[in-house]
Amino acid sequence: MSDANAALVLVVDDDVPIRRFLRAGLESAGYRLIEAGTAPTRCARPRPDRRT
């Protein structure tokens, strides 16, 4: 699989050693990675009920 066609994985973890471990394993398996130390606040909140 070429880099352009490699699956993209989002890793979100506030523990840097865990992110390094995941990066090493996933990149060696041919994945592309995006890392984040924390999830955006918007993603952490529950979605509001939509009532009509």
PDB file of N, CA and C in Angstrom:
ATOM      1  N   MET A   1       0.856  -1.179   0.000  1.00  0.00           N
ATOM      2  CA  MET A   1       0.000   0.000   0.000  1.00  0.00           C
ATOM      3  C   MET A   1       0.897   1.236   0.000  1.00  0.00           C
ATOM      4  N   SER A   2       0.695   2.154  -0.957  1.00  0.00           N
ATOM      5  CA  SER A   2       1.499   3.373  -0.992  1.00  0.00           C
ATOM      6  C   SER A   2       1.023   4.332   0.093  1.00  0.00           C
ATOM      7  N   ASP A   3       1.876   5.310   0.415  1.00  0.00           N
ATOM      8  CA  ASP A   3       1.516   6.272   1.466  1.00  0.00           C
ATOM      9  C   ASP A   3       0.218   7.002   1.154  1.00  0.00           C
ATOM     10  N   ALA A   4      -0.004   7.341  -0.108  1.00  0.00           N
ATOM     11  CA  ALA A   4      -1.210   8.076  -0.481  1.00  0.00           C
ATOM     12  C   ALA A   4      -2.470   7.233  -0.282  1.00  0.00           C
ATOM     13  N   ASN A   5      -2.349   5.927  -0.387  1.00  0.00           N
ATOM     14  CA  ASN A   5      -3.511   5.042  -0.248  1.00  0.00           C
ATOM     15  C   ASN A   5      -3.618   4.405   1.137  1.00  0.00           C
ATOM     16  N   ALA A   6      -2.667   4.685   2.023  1.00  0.00           N
ATOM     17  CA  ALA A   6      -2.674   4.087   3.354  1.00  0.00           C
ATOM     18  C   ALA A   6      -3.851   4.622   4.164  1.00  0.00           C
ATOM     19  N   ALA A   7      -4.427   3.758   4.961  1.00  0.00           N
ATOM     20  CA  ALA A   7      -5.524   4.173   5.838  1.00  0.00           C
ATOM     21  C   ALA A   7      -5.009   5.181   6.857  1.00  0.00           C
ATOM     22  N   LEU A   8      -5.849   6.134   7.187  1.00  0.00           N
ATOM     23  CA  LEU A   8      -5.498   7.183   8.138  1.00  0.00           C
ATOM     24  C   LEU A   8      -6.154   6.870   9.477  1.00  0.00           C
ATOM     25  N   VAL A   9      -5.361   6.919  10.551  1.00  0.00           N
ATOM     26  CA  VAL A   9      -5.843   6.592  11.896  1.00  0.00           C
ATOM     27  C   VAL A   9      -5.672   7.806  12.790  1.00  0.00           C
ATOM     28  N   LEU A  10      -6.722   8.135  13.548  1.00  0.00           N
ATOM     29  CA  LEU A  10      -6.653   9.203  14.543  1.00  0.00           C
ATOM     30  C   LEU A  10      -6.415   8.568  15.905  1.00  0.00           C
ATOM     31  N   VAL A  11      -5.329   8.975  16.558  1.00  0.00           N
ATOM     32  CA  VAL A  11      -4.997   8.477  17.898  1.00  0.00           C
ATOM     33  C   VAL A  11      -5.156   9.640  18.866  1.00  0.00           C
ATOM     34  N   VAL A  12      -6.024   9.472  19.854  1.00  0.00           N
ATOM     35  CA  VAL A  12      -6.241  10.501  20.868  1.00  0.00           C
ATOM     36  C   VAL A  12      -5.944   9.898  22.227  1.00  0.00           C
ATOM     37  N   ASP A  13      -4.886  10.394  22.857  1.00  0.00           N
ATOM     38  CA  ASP A  13      -4.514   9.922  24.190  1.00  0.00           C
ATOM     39  C   ASP A  13      -3.626  10.978  24.824  1.00  0.00           C
ATOM     40  N   ASP A  14      -3.843  11.281  26.087  1.00  0.00           N
ATOM     41  CA  ASP A  14      -3.032  12.305  26.749  1.00  0.00           C
ATOM     42  C   ASP A  14      -1.710  11.752  27.261  1.00  0.00           C
ATOM     43  N   ASP A  15      -1.488  10.455  27.124  1.00  0.00           N
ATOM     44  CA  ASP A  15      -0.257   9.809  27.587  1.00  0.00           C
ATOM     45  C   ASP A  15       0.715   9.694  26.404  1.00  0.00           C
ATOM     46  N   VAL A  16       1.766  10.521  26.413  1.00  0.00           N
ATOM     47  CA  VAL A  16       2.705  10.573  25.292  1.00  0.00           C
ATOM     48  C   VAL A  16       3.355   9.218  25.002  1.00  0.00           C
ATOM     49  N   PRO A  17       3.802   8.459  26.013  1.00  0.00           N
ATOM     50  CA  PRO A  17       4.396   7.153  25.701  1.00  0.00           C
ATOM     51  C   PRO A  17       3.425   6.200  24.985  1.00  0.00           C
ATOM     52  N   ILE A  18       2.159   6.272  25.315  1.00  0.00           N
ATOM     53  CA  ILE A  18       1.164   5.434  24.630  1.00  0.00           C
ATOM     54  C   ILE A  18       1.052   5.857  23.172  1.00  0.00           C
ATOM     55  N   ARG A  19       1.008   7.166  22.918  1.00  0.00           N
ATOM     56  CA  ARG A  19       0.942   7.645  21.530  1.00  0.00           C
ATOM     57  C   ARG A  19       2.175   7.226  20.744  1.00  0.00           C
ATOM     58  N   ARG A  20       3.355   7.294  21.358  1.00  0.00           N
ATOM     59  CA  ARG A  20       4.588   6.864  20.678  1.00  0.00           C
ATOM     60  C   ARG A  20       4.519   5.378  20.341  1.00  0.00           C
ATOM     61  N   PHE A  21       4.051   4.575  21.284  1.00  0.00           N
ATOM     62  CA  PHE A  21       3.919   3.131  21.083  1.00  0.00           C
ATOM     63  C   PHE A  21       2.969   2.831  19.921  1.00  0.00           C
ATOM     64  N   LEU A  22       1.818   3.487  19.923  1.00  0.00           N
ATOM     65  CA  LEU A  22       0.839   3.276  18.860  1.00  0.00           C
ATOM     66  C   LEU A  22       1.378   3.749  17.515  1.00  0.00           C
ATOM     67  N   ARG A  23       2.060   4.887  17.509  1.00  0.00           N
ATOM     68  CA  ARG A  23       2.635   5.403  16.264  1.00  0.00           C
ATOM     69  C   ARG A  23       3.620   4.386  15.675  1.00  0.00           C
ATOM     70  N   ALA A  24       4.517   3.882  16.492  1.00  0.00           N
ATOM     71  CA  ALA A  24       5.522   2.926  16.006  1.00  0.00           C
ATOM     72  C   ALA A  24       4.860   1.693  15.396  1.00  0.00           C
ATOM     73  N   GLY A  25       3.883   1.144  16.087  1.00  0.00           N
ATOM     74  CA  GLY A  25       3.222  -0.062  15.594  1.00  0.00           C
ATOM     75  C   GLY A  25       2.382   0.178  14.356  1.00  0.00           C
ATOM     76  N   LEU A  26       1.613   1.251  14.364  1.00  0.00           N
ATOM     77  CA  LEU A  26       0.731   1.519  13.229  1.00  0.00           C
ATOM     78  C   LEU A  26       1.499   1.934  11.989  1.00  0.00           C
ATOM     79  N   GLU A  27       2.525   2.779  12.155  1.00  0.00           N
ATOM     80  CA  GLU A  27       3.315   3.179  10.985  1.00  0.00           C
ATOM     81  C   GLU A  27       4.073   1.996  10.398  1.00  0.00           C
ATOM     82  N   SER A  28       4.576   1.112  11.249  1.00  0.00           N
ATOM     83  CA  SER A  28       5.286  -0.059  10.722  1.00  0.00           C
ATOM     84  C   SER A  28       4.338  -1.003   9.985  1.00  0.00           C
ATOM     85  N   ALA A  29       3.047  -0.916  10.288  1.00  0.00           N
ATOM     86  CA  ALA A  29       2.040  -1.724   9.600  1.00  0.00           C
ATOM     87  C   ALA A  29       1.502  -1.012   8.355  1.00  0.00           C
ATOM     88  N   GLY A  30       2.017   0.203   8.064  1.00  0.00           N
ATOM     89  CA  GLY A  30       1.642   0.889   6.845  1.00  0.00           C
ATOM     90  C   GLY A  30       0.544   1.927   6.972  1.00  0.00           C
ATOM     91  N   TYR A  31       0.112   2.248   8.196  1.00  0.00           N
ATOM     92  CA  TYR A  31      -0.933   3.253   8.395  1.00  0.00           C
ATOM     93  C   TYR A  31      -0.329   4.648   8.479  1.00  0.00           C
ATOM     94  N   ARG A  32      -1.130   5.653   8.129  1.00  0.00           N
ATOM     95  CA  ARG A  32      -0.795   7.056   8.383  1.00  0.00           C
ATOM     96  C   ARG A  32      -1.480   7.437   9.688  1.00  0.00           C
ATOM     97  N   LEU A  33      -0.882   8.376  10.426  1.00  0.00           N
ATOM     98  CA  LEU A  33      -1.414   8.732  11.737  1.00  0.00           C
ATOM     99  C   LEU A  33      -1.616  10.229  11.888  1.00  0.00           C
ATOM    100  N   ILE A  34      -2.654  10.575  12.622  1.00  0.00           N
ATOM    101  CA  ILE A  34      -2.847  11.919  13.153  1.00  0.00           C
ATOM    102  C   ILE A  34      -2.959  11.720  14.654  1.00  0.00           C
ATOM    103  N   GLU A  35      -2.219  12.521  15.408  1.00  0.00           N
ATOM    104  CA  GLU A  35      -2.233  12.392  16.866  1.00  0.00           C
ATOM    105  C   GLU A  35      -2.850  13.620  17.512  1.00  0.00           C
ATOM    106  N   ALA A  36      -3.498  13.396  18.641  1.00  0.00           N
ATOM    107  CA  ALA A  36      -4.021  14.484  19.461  1.00  0.00           C
ATOM    108  C   ALA A  36      -3.861  14.103  20.916  1.00  0.00           C
ATOM    109  N   GLY A  37      -3.462  15.073  21.726  1.00  0.00           N
ATOM    110  CA  GLY A  37      -3.278  14.819  23.149  1.00  0.00           C
ATOM    111  C   GLY A  37      -4.582  14.720  23.907  1.00  0.00           C
ATOM    112  N   THR A  38      -5.592  15.437  23.423  1.00  0.00           N
ATOM    113  CA  THR A  38      -6.911  15.386  24.061  1.00  0.00           C
ATOM    114  C   THR A  38      -7.977  15.523  22.987  1.00  0.00           C
ATOM    115  N   ALA A  39      -9.146  15.022  23.283  1.00  0.00           N
ATOM    116  CA  ALA A  39     -10.264  15.170  22.351  1.00  0.00           C
ATOM    117  C   ALA A  39     -10.784  16.598  22.432  1.00  0.00           C
ATOM    118  N   PRO A  40     -11.209  17.147  21.315  1.00  0.00           N
ATOM    119  CA  PRO A  40     -11.796  18.478  21.373  1.00  0.00           C
ATOM    120  C   PRO A  40     -12.990  18.503  22.323  1.00  0.00           C
ATOM    121  N   THR A  41     -13.173  19.610  22.984  1.00  0.00           N
ATOM    122  CA  THR A  41     -14.263  19.752  23.954  1.00  0.00           C
ATOM    123  C   THR A  41     -15.609  19.419  23.326  1.00  0.00           C
ATOM    124  N   ARG A  42     -15.808  19.798  22.099  1.00  0.00           N
ATOM    125  CA  ARG A  42     -17.077  19.531  21.415  1.00  0.00           C
ATOM    126  C   ARG A  42     -17.363  18.038  21.324  1.00  0.00           C
ATOM    127  N   CYS A  43     -16.352  17.240  21.084  1.00  0.00           N
ATOM    128  CA  CYS A  43     -16.542  15.791  20.971  1.00  0.00           C
ATOM    129  C   CYS A  43     -16.833  15.156  22.331  1.00  0.00           C
ATOM    130  N   ALA A  44     -16.364  15.785  23.390  1.00  0.00           N
ATOM    131  CA  ALA A  44     -16.536  15.208  24.724  1.00  0.00           C
ATOM    132  C   ALA A  44     -17.943  15.420  25.275  1.00  0.00           C
ATOM    133  N   ARG A  45     -18.645  16.435  24.746  1.00  0.00           N
ATOM    134  CA  ARG A  45     -19.998  16.735  25.226  1.00  0.00           C
ATOM    135  C   ARG A  45     -21.045  15.844  24.571  1.00  0.00           C
ATOM    136  N   PRO A  46     -22.042  15.433  25.320  1.00  0.00           N
ATOM    137  CA  PRO A  46     -23.130  14.671  24.687  1.00  0.00           C
ATOM    138  C   PRO A  46     -23.909  15.565  23.728  1.00  0.00           C
ATOM    139  N   ARG A  47     -24.450  14.975  22.701  1.00  0.00           N
ATOM    140  CA  ARG A  47     -25.262  15.728  21.743  1.00  0.00           C
ATOM    141  C   ARG A  47     -26.585  16.106  22.385  1.00  0.00           C
ATOM    142  N   PRO A  48     -27.046  17.328  22.135  1.00  0.00           N
ATOM    143  CA  PRO A  48     -28.347  17.720  22.712  1.00  0.00           C
ATOM    144  C   PRO A  48     -29.483  16.957  22.049  1.00  0.00           C
ATOM    145  N   ASP A  49     -30.538  16.761  22.815  1.00  0.00           N
ATOM    146  CA  ASP A  49     -31.737  16.144  22.256  1.00  0.00           C
ATOM    147  C   ASP A  49     -32.322  17.077  21.215  1.00  0.00           C
ATOM    148  N   ARG A  50     -32.825  16.507  20.163  1.00  0.00           N
ATOM    149  CA  ARG A  50     -33.523  17.302  19.143  1.00  0.00           C
ATOM    150  C   ARG A  50     -34.989  16.900  19.177  1.00  0.00           C
ATOM    151  N   ARG A  51     -35.771  17.780  19.710  1.00  0.00           N
ATOM    152  CA  ARG A  51     -37.200  17.500  19.831  1.00  0.00           C
ATOM    153  C   ARG A  51     -37.962  18.420  18.912  1.00  0.00           C
ATOM    154  N   THR A  52     -38.983  17.874  18.268  1.00  0.00           N
ATOM    155  CA  THR A  52     -39.804  18.699  17.382  1.00  0.00           C
ATOM    156  C   THR A  52     -41.197  18.832  17.948  1.00  0.00           C
TER     157      THR A  52
END
